[in-house]
Amino acid sequence: MQEAKEEGLEEGIIKGREQGLVEGKQQERETVAKNLLSLGMDAEFVIKATGLDKSDIEKLKTSLHIPPE
C-alpha cells in the first residue's frame, strides 16, 4: 500500500513538472511577443517568430493597448 502511494506521488510530481515546463515556455513566448509588438513589429512577423497563433497575438495586443490590424 505504501509503495503504491509513493509511486502515485512520484507520478504526480513528474506530471506537475511537465505541466510547469509547458506553461513556462508559453509565458516566455508571450513575453517575446509582447516585446516585439511593443517595438512595432507586425502580427505576422510575431506569429512566425514565436509560434503563437493569431488569437493569442490579438489578446496580447489588447493587453498592450495596441489597436488590432
Protein backbone atom coordinates (compact mmCIF):
# COMPACT_ATOMS: atom_id res chain seq x y z
CA MET A 1 0.00 0.00 0.00
CA GLN A 2 2.78 2.44 0.96
CA GLU A 3 4.63 1.61 -2.26
CA ALA A 4 1.55 2.46 -4.32
CA LYS A 5 1.24 5.81 -2.53
CA GLU A 6 4.89 6.61 -3.22
CA GLU A 7 4.51 5.69 -6.89
CA GLY A 8 1.42 7.87 -7.17
CA LEU A 9 3.17 10.77 -5.50
CA GLU A 10 6.19 10.39 -7.77
CA GLU A 11 3.96 10.29 -10.86
CA GLY A 12 2.14 13.41 -9.68
CA ILE A 13 5.42 15.25 -9.19
CA ILE A 14 6.60 14.30 -12.68
CA LYS A 15 3.32 15.43 -14.28
CA GLY A 16 3.45 18.69 -12.32
CA ARG A 17 6.96 19.42 -13.53
CA GLU A 18 6.00 18.68 -17.13
CA GLN A 19 2.99 20.99 -16.89
CA GLY A 20 5.17 23.70 -15.33
CA LEU A 21 7.64 23.46 -18.21
CA VAL A 22 4.87 23.79 -20.79
CA GLU A 23 3.38 26.79 -19.01
CA GLY A 24 6.82 28.36 -18.62
CA LYS A 25 7.54 28.04 -22.33
CA GLN A 26 4.17 29.61 -23.15
CA GLN A 27 4.93 32.52 -20.84
CA GLU A 28 8.33 33.02 -22.48
CA ARG A 29 6.76 33.09 -25.96
CA GLU A 30 4.17 35.60 -24.77
CA THR A 31 6.87 37.82 -23.26
CA VAL A 32 8.84 37.79 -26.51
CA ALA A 33 5.64 38.53 -28.46
CA LYS A 34 4.81 41.49 -26.20
CA ASN A 35 8.30 42.88 -26.66
CA LEU A 36 8.12 42.52 -30.44
CA LEU A 37 4.67 44.08 -30.60
CA SER A 38 5.83 46.96 -28.40
CA LEU A 39 8.66 47.55 -30.87
CA GLY A 40 6.12 47.88 -33.67
CA MET A 41 6.54 44.51 -35.35
CA ASP A 42 3.51 43.34 -37.30
CA ALA A 43 1.41 40.41 -36.14
CA GLU A 44 2.51 38.05 -38.93
CA PHE A 45 6.16 38.51 -38.00
CA VAL A 46 5.40 37.93 -34.31
CA ILE A 47 3.41 34.78 -35.15
CA LYS A 48 6.33 33.39 -37.14
CA ALA A 49 8.88 34.36 -34.51
CA THR A 50 7.03 32.95 -31.51
CA GLY A 51 4.81 30.19 -32.83
CA LEU A 52 1.78 31.75 -31.14
CA ASP A 53 -1.46 31.85 -33.08
CA LYS A 54 -3.28 34.94 -34.29
CA SER A 55 -5.84 34.92 -31.46
CA ASP A 56 -3.04 34.87 -28.86
CA ILE A 57 -1.36 37.81 -30.59
CA GLU A 58 -4.62 39.78 -30.70
CA LYS A 59 -5.14 39.19 -26.96
CA LEU A 60 -1.62 40.40 -26.26
CA LYS A 61 -2.15 43.47 -28.43
CA THR A 62 -5.32 44.27 -26.50
CA SER A 63 -3.46 43.93 -23.19
CA LEU A 64 -0.80 46.34 -24.52
CA HIS A 65 -3.47 48.74 -25.83
CA ILE A 66 -2.26 48.29 -29.40
CA PRO A 67 -5.08 48.62 -31.96
CA PRO A 68 -5.89 45.47 -33.99
CA GLU A 69 -4.69 45.29 -37.58
